[in-house]
Amino acid sequence: MVKLIALYKQPEDKEAFDEHYKNVHTPITKKIPGLRKMEVTRIVGSPTGDSKYYLLCEMYYDDHESLKKAMKTEESKASGKDLMSFAGNLVTMMVGEEVE
């Protein structure tokens, strides 16, 4: 499996971020063709105390080709546009492969 990973820094207004993420961004993202699973983790700290990160989202695809195909869809473009509108300065995107 291949994952598209979104790692978010701490937002200034957590309540507004959470509201938009849950009620607007997540429903848009879940419509992306080929998306197998979406897992969201709230970061609550680090072994040394606080964390500069707030949220981690892992979006699973069958393989690299499935991810590339998904990224070209209108649904993916809508998700990206929405992401930039509310968290463009907070998010880092990565692609990862599960290791067995």
N, C-alpha and C. Protein backbone atom coordinates (compact mmCIF):
# COMPACT_ATOMS: atom_id res chain seq x y z
N MET A 1 0.84 -1.19 0.00
CA MET A 1 0.00 0.00 0.00
C MET A 1 0.88 1.25 0.00
N VAL A 2 0.34 2.28 -0.59
CA VAL A 2 0.99 3.58 -0.65
C VAL A 2 0.11 4.57 0.09
N LYS A 3 0.74 5.48 0.82
CA LYS A 3 0.00 6.48 1.57
C LYS A 3 0.37 7.88 1.10
N LEU A 4 -0.64 8.71 0.99
CA LEU A 4 -0.43 10.15 0.89
C LEU A 4 -0.61 10.66 2.31
N ILE A 5 0.39 11.30 2.84
CA ILE A 5 0.41 11.72 4.24
C ILE A 5 0.36 13.24 4.31
N ALA A 6 -0.54 13.75 5.14
CA ALA A 6 -0.63 15.18 5.41
C ALA A 6 -0.32 15.40 6.88
N LEU A 7 0.69 16.21 7.17
CA LEU A 7 1.08 16.52 8.53
C LEU A 7 0.86 18.02 8.75
N TYR A 8 0.03 18.33 9.73
CA TYR A 8 -0.39 19.71 9.98
C TYR A 8 0.28 20.27 11.23
N LYS A 9 0.79 21.49 11.13
CA LYS A 9 1.29 22.22 12.30
C LYS A 9 0.10 22.73 13.12
N GLN A 10 0.39 23.21 14.30
CA GLN A 10 -0.65 23.73 15.19
C GLN A 10 -1.34 24.95 14.56
N PRO A 11 -2.66 24.90 14.40
CA PRO A 11 -3.38 26.08 13.88
C PRO A 11 -3.59 27.12 14.99
N GLU A 12 -3.73 28.36 14.60
CA GLU A 12 -4.00 29.41 15.58
C GLU A 12 -5.37 29.21 16.23
N ASP A 13 -6.37 28.90 15.42
CA ASP A 13 -7.73 28.70 15.91
C ASP A 13 -8.10 27.22 15.71
N LYS A 14 -7.85 26.43 16.73
CA LYS A 14 -8.08 24.98 16.63
C LYS A 14 -9.55 24.65 16.39
N GLU A 15 -10.43 25.38 17.02
CA GLU A 15 -11.87 25.11 16.86
C GLU A 15 -12.30 25.32 15.41
N ALA A 16 -11.88 26.43 14.81
CA ALA A 16 -12.24 26.71 13.41
C ALA A 16 -11.59 25.69 12.48
N PHE A 17 -10.34 25.33 12.76
CA PHE A 17 -9.65 24.32 11.95
C PHE A 17 -10.41 22.99 12.00
N ASP A 18 -10.73 22.54 13.21
CA ASP A 18 -11.43 21.27 13.39
C ASP A 18 -12.78 21.27 12.69
N GLU A 19 -13.50 22.36 12.81
CA GLU A 19 -14.82 22.47 12.17
C GLU A 19 -14.70 22.32 10.66
N HIS A 20 -13.77 23.05 10.06
CA HIS A 20 -13.59 23.00 8.62
C HIS A 20 -13.08 21.62 8.19
N TYR A 21 -12.10 21.10 8.92
CA TYR A 21 -11.50 19.81 8.56
C TYR A 21 -12.56 18.71 8.57
N LYS A 22 -13.35 18.66 9.63
CA LYS A 22 -14.33 17.59 9.79
C LYS A 22 -15.52 17.74 8.85
N ASN A 23 -16.05 18.95 8.73
CA ASN A 23 -17.31 19.15 8.02
C ASN A 23 -17.19 19.56 6.56
N VAL A 24 -16.02 20.02 6.16
CA VAL A 24 -15.83 20.44 4.76
C VAL A 24 -14.74 19.60 4.08
N HIS A 25 -13.54 19.63 4.65
CA HIS A 25 -12.41 19.02 3.95
C HIS A 25 -12.50 17.49 3.88
N THR A 26 -12.83 16.85 4.99
CA THR A 26 -12.90 15.38 4.99
C THR A 26 -13.93 14.85 4.00
N PRO A 27 -15.16 15.38 3.96
CA PRO A 27 -16.11 14.87 2.97
C PRO A 27 -15.64 15.04 1.52
N ILE A 28 -14.96 16.15 1.22
CA ILE A 28 -14.43 16.36 -0.13
C ILE A 28 -13.37 15.31 -0.43
N THR A 29 -12.46 15.11 0.51
CA THR A 29 -11.34 14.19 0.31
C THR A 29 -11.81 12.75 0.17
N LYS A 30 -12.80 12.36 0.93
CA LYS A 30 -13.29 10.97 0.87
C LYS A 30 -13.92 10.61 -0.47
N LYS A 31 -14.19 11.59 -1.31
CA LYS A 31 -14.76 11.35 -2.64
C LYS A 31 -13.70 11.02 -3.69
N ILE A 32 -12.42 11.13 -3.34
CA ILE A 32 -11.35 10.90 -4.32
C ILE A 32 -11.37 9.44 -4.77
N PRO A 33 -11.49 9.19 -6.07
CA PRO A 33 -11.49 7.82 -6.57
C PRO A 33 -10.18 7.09 -6.23
N GLY A 34 -10.29 5.84 -5.84
CA GLY A 34 -9.12 5.03 -5.53
C GLY A 34 -8.68 5.11 -4.07
N LEU A 35 -9.23 6.05 -3.31
CA LEU A 35 -8.88 6.15 -1.89
C LEU A 35 -9.46 4.94 -1.16
N ARG A 36 -8.59 4.14 -0.56
CA ARG A 36 -9.03 2.91 0.12
C ARG A 36 -9.42 3.16 1.57
N LYS A 37 -8.66 4.04 2.23
CA LYS A 37 -8.88 4.28 3.65
C LYS A 37 -8.26 5.61 4.00
N MET A 38 -8.87 6.29 4.97
CA MET A 38 -8.35 7.57 5.45
C MET A 38 -8.32 7.51 6.97
N GLU A 39 -7.14 7.68 7.55
CA GLU A 39 -6.99 7.66 9.00
C GLU A 39 -6.46 9.01 9.46
N VAL A 40 -7.12 9.57 10.48
CA VAL A 40 -6.74 10.87 11.02
C VAL A 40 -6.32 10.68 12.48
N THR A 41 -5.16 11.24 12.83
CA THR A 41 -4.62 11.14 14.18
C THR A 41 -4.37 12.55 14.72
N ARG A 42 -4.93 12.85 15.89
CA ARG A 42 -4.63 14.12 16.55
C ARG A 42 -3.35 13.92 17.35
N ILE A 43 -2.39 14.80 17.15
CA ILE A 43 -1.12 14.74 17.87
C ILE A 43 -1.34 15.40 19.23
N VAL A 44 -1.05 14.67 20.30
CA VAL A 44 -1.32 15.19 21.64
C VAL A 44 -0.05 15.53 22.41
N GLY A 45 1.09 15.35 21.79
CA GLY A 45 2.35 15.68 22.45
C GLY A 45 3.48 14.88 21.83
N SER A 46 4.62 14.95 22.48
CA SER A 46 5.79 14.19 22.07
C SER A 46 6.46 13.65 23.33
N PRO A 47 7.41 12.76 23.19
CA PRO A 47 8.09 12.24 24.39
C PRO A 47 8.78 13.34 25.20
N THR A 48 9.06 14.47 24.56
CA THR A 48 9.73 15.57 25.27
C THR A 48 8.76 16.69 25.66
N GLY A 49 7.46 16.46 25.48
CA GLY A 49 6.48 17.48 25.88
C GLY A 49 5.54 17.83 24.75
N ASP A 50 5.40 19.11 24.50
CA ASP A 50 4.49 19.59 23.46
C ASP A 50 5.04 19.26 22.08
N SER A 51 4.16 19.32 21.09
CA SER A 51 4.55 19.08 19.70
C SER A 51 4.16 20.28 18.86
N LYS A 52 4.95 20.57 17.84
CA LYS A 52 4.58 21.64 16.92
C LYS A 52 3.54 21.15 15.92
N TYR A 53 3.25 19.84 15.96
CA TYR A 53 2.27 19.27 15.04
C TYR A 53 0.93 19.05 15.72
N TYR A 54 -0.13 19.15 14.93
CA TYR A 54 -1.49 19.08 15.44
C TYR A 54 -2.25 17.85 14.95
N LEU A 55 -2.07 17.53 13.67
CA LEU A 55 -2.87 16.48 13.06
C LEU A 55 -2.05 15.75 12.01
N LEU A 56 -2.33 14.44 11.87
CA LEU A 56 -1.72 13.61 10.85
C LEU A 56 -2.84 12.89 10.12
N CYS A 57 -2.84 12.96 8.80
CA CYS A 57 -3.84 12.24 8.01
C CYS A 57 -3.10 11.33 7.04
N GLU A 58 -3.49 10.04 7.04
CA GLU A 58 -2.92 9.06 6.13
C GLU A 58 -4.02 8.58 5.20
N MET A 59 -3.78 8.75 3.90
CA MET A 59 -4.74 8.36 2.87
C MET A 59 -4.13 7.21 2.07
N TYR A 60 -4.76 6.07 2.12
CA TYR A 60 -4.21 4.84 1.57
C TYR A 60 -4.69 4.58 0.14
N TYR A 61 -3.75 4.16 -0.71
CA TYR A 61 -4.02 3.77 -2.09
C TYR A 61 -3.35 2.42 -2.35
N ASP A 62 -3.84 1.68 -3.35
CA ASP A 62 -3.31 0.36 -3.65
C ASP A 62 -1.83 0.39 -4.01
N ASP A 63 -1.43 1.38 -4.83
CA ASP A 63 -0.06 1.45 -5.30
C ASP A 63 0.21 2.86 -5.84
N HIS A 64 1.44 3.08 -6.29
CA HIS A 64 1.81 4.41 -6.79
C HIS A 64 0.96 4.82 -7.99
N GLU A 65 0.68 3.88 -8.86
CA GLU A 65 -0.12 4.19 -10.05
C GLU A 65 -1.53 4.64 -9.65
N SER A 66 -2.11 3.99 -8.68
CA SER A 66 -3.45 4.37 -8.19
C SER A 66 -3.42 5.78 -7.60
N LEU A 67 -2.38 6.08 -6.86
CA LEU A 67 -2.24 7.43 -6.29
C LEU A 67 -2.09 8.47 -7.39
N LYS A 68 -1.22 8.20 -8.36
CA LYS A 68 -1.01 9.15 -9.46
C LYS A 68 -2.31 9.39 -10.23
N LYS A 69 -3.05 8.33 -10.48
CA LYS A 69 -4.33 8.45 -11.18
C LYS A 69 -5.32 9.27 -10.36
N ALA A 70 -5.37 9.00 -9.06
CA ALA A 70 -6.28 9.72 -8.18
C ALA A 70 -5.97 11.21 -8.15
N MET A 71 -4.68 11.57 -8.15
CA MET A 71 -4.28 12.97 -8.05
C MET A 71 -4.69 13.79 -9.27
N LYS A 72 -5.02 13.14 -10.36
CA LYS A 72 -5.42 13.84 -11.58
C LYS A 72 -6.92 14.06 -11.67
N THR A 73 -7.69 13.57 -10.70
CA THR A 73 -9.15 13.66 -10.76
C THR A 73 -9.66 15.01 -10.28
N GLU A 74 -10.87 15.33 -10.70
CA GLU A 74 -11.50 16.58 -10.25
C GLU A 74 -11.71 16.58 -8.73
N GLU A 75 -12.00 15.42 -8.17
CA GLU A 75 -12.21 15.32 -6.72
C GLU A 75 -10.93 15.65 -5.96
N SER A 76 -9.80 15.16 -6.48
CA SER A 76 -8.52 15.46 -5.85
C SER A 76 -8.17 16.94 -5.97
N LYS A 77 -8.44 17.50 -7.13
CA LYS A 77 -8.18 18.93 -7.33
C LYS A 77 -9.04 19.76 -6.38
N ALA A 78 -10.29 19.35 -6.16
CA ALA A 78 -11.17 20.07 -5.24
C ALA A 78 -10.63 19.96 -3.81
N SER A 79 -10.13 18.78 -3.44
CA SER A 79 -9.56 18.60 -2.11
C SER A 79 -8.32 19.48 -1.93
N GLY A 80 -7.45 19.50 -2.93
CA GLY A 80 -6.25 20.33 -2.86
C GLY A 80 -6.57 21.81 -2.78
N LYS A 81 -7.54 22.25 -3.55
CA LYS A 81 -7.94 23.65 -3.52
C LYS A 81 -8.48 24.02 -2.14
N ASP A 82 -9.32 23.15 -1.59
CA ASP A 82 -9.84 23.41 -0.25
C ASP A 82 -8.72 23.42 0.78
N LEU A 83 -7.80 22.46 0.69
CA LEU A 83 -6.68 22.39 1.62
C LEU A 83 -5.90 23.70 1.64
N MET A 84 -5.58 24.21 0.47
CA MET A 84 -4.81 25.45 0.40
C MET A 84 -5.58 26.64 0.97
N SER A 85 -6.91 26.58 0.91
CA SER A 85 -7.72 27.70 1.39
C SER A 85 -7.75 27.81 2.91
N PHE A 86 -7.57 26.69 3.62
CA PHE A 86 -7.66 26.79 5.08
C PHE A 86 -6.40 26.32 5.82
N ALA A 87 -5.50 25.63 5.12
CA ALA A 87 -4.33 25.11 5.83
C ALA A 87 -3.06 25.10 4.98
N GLY A 88 -3.03 25.89 3.93
CA GLY A 88 -1.87 25.90 3.04
C GLY A 88 -0.56 26.19 3.74
N ASN A 89 -0.62 27.03 4.78
CA ASN A 89 0.60 27.40 5.51
C ASN A 89 0.90 26.44 6.66
N LEU A 90 0.03 25.46 6.88
CA LEU A 90 0.20 24.54 8.01
C LEU A 90 0.60 23.13 7.60
N VAL A 91 0.36 22.76 6.35
CA VAL A 91 0.46 21.36 5.95
C VAL A 91 1.74 21.04 5.19
N THR A 92 2.26 19.85 5.46
CA THR A 92 3.35 19.25 4.70
C THR A 92 2.82 17.93 4.15
N MET A 93 2.99 17.71 2.87
CA MET A 93 2.49 16.50 2.21
C MET A 93 3.67 15.60 1.87
N MET A 94 3.45 14.28 2.06
CA MET A 94 4.47 13.29 1.78
C MET A 94 3.81 12.05 1.19
N VAL A 95 4.59 11.24 0.49
CA VAL A 95 4.14 9.94 0.00
C VAL A 95 4.99 8.89 0.68
N GLY A 96 4.34 7.86 1.20
CA GLY A 96 5.06 6.79 1.88
C GLY A 96 4.60 5.42 1.42
N GLU A 97 5.44 4.43 1.64
CA GLU A 97 5.11 3.04 1.36
C GLU A 97 5.13 2.27 2.66
N GLU A 98 4.16 1.39 2.85
CA GLU A 98 4.18 0.54 4.02
C GLU A 98 5.32 -0.47 3.88
N VAL A 99 6.00 -0.73 4.97
CA VAL A 99 7.12 -1.66 5.00
C VAL A 99 6.73 -2.83 5.87
N GLU A 100 6.92 -4.03 5.35
CA GLU A 100 6.57 -5.23 6.11
C GLU A 100 7.79 -5.82 6.78
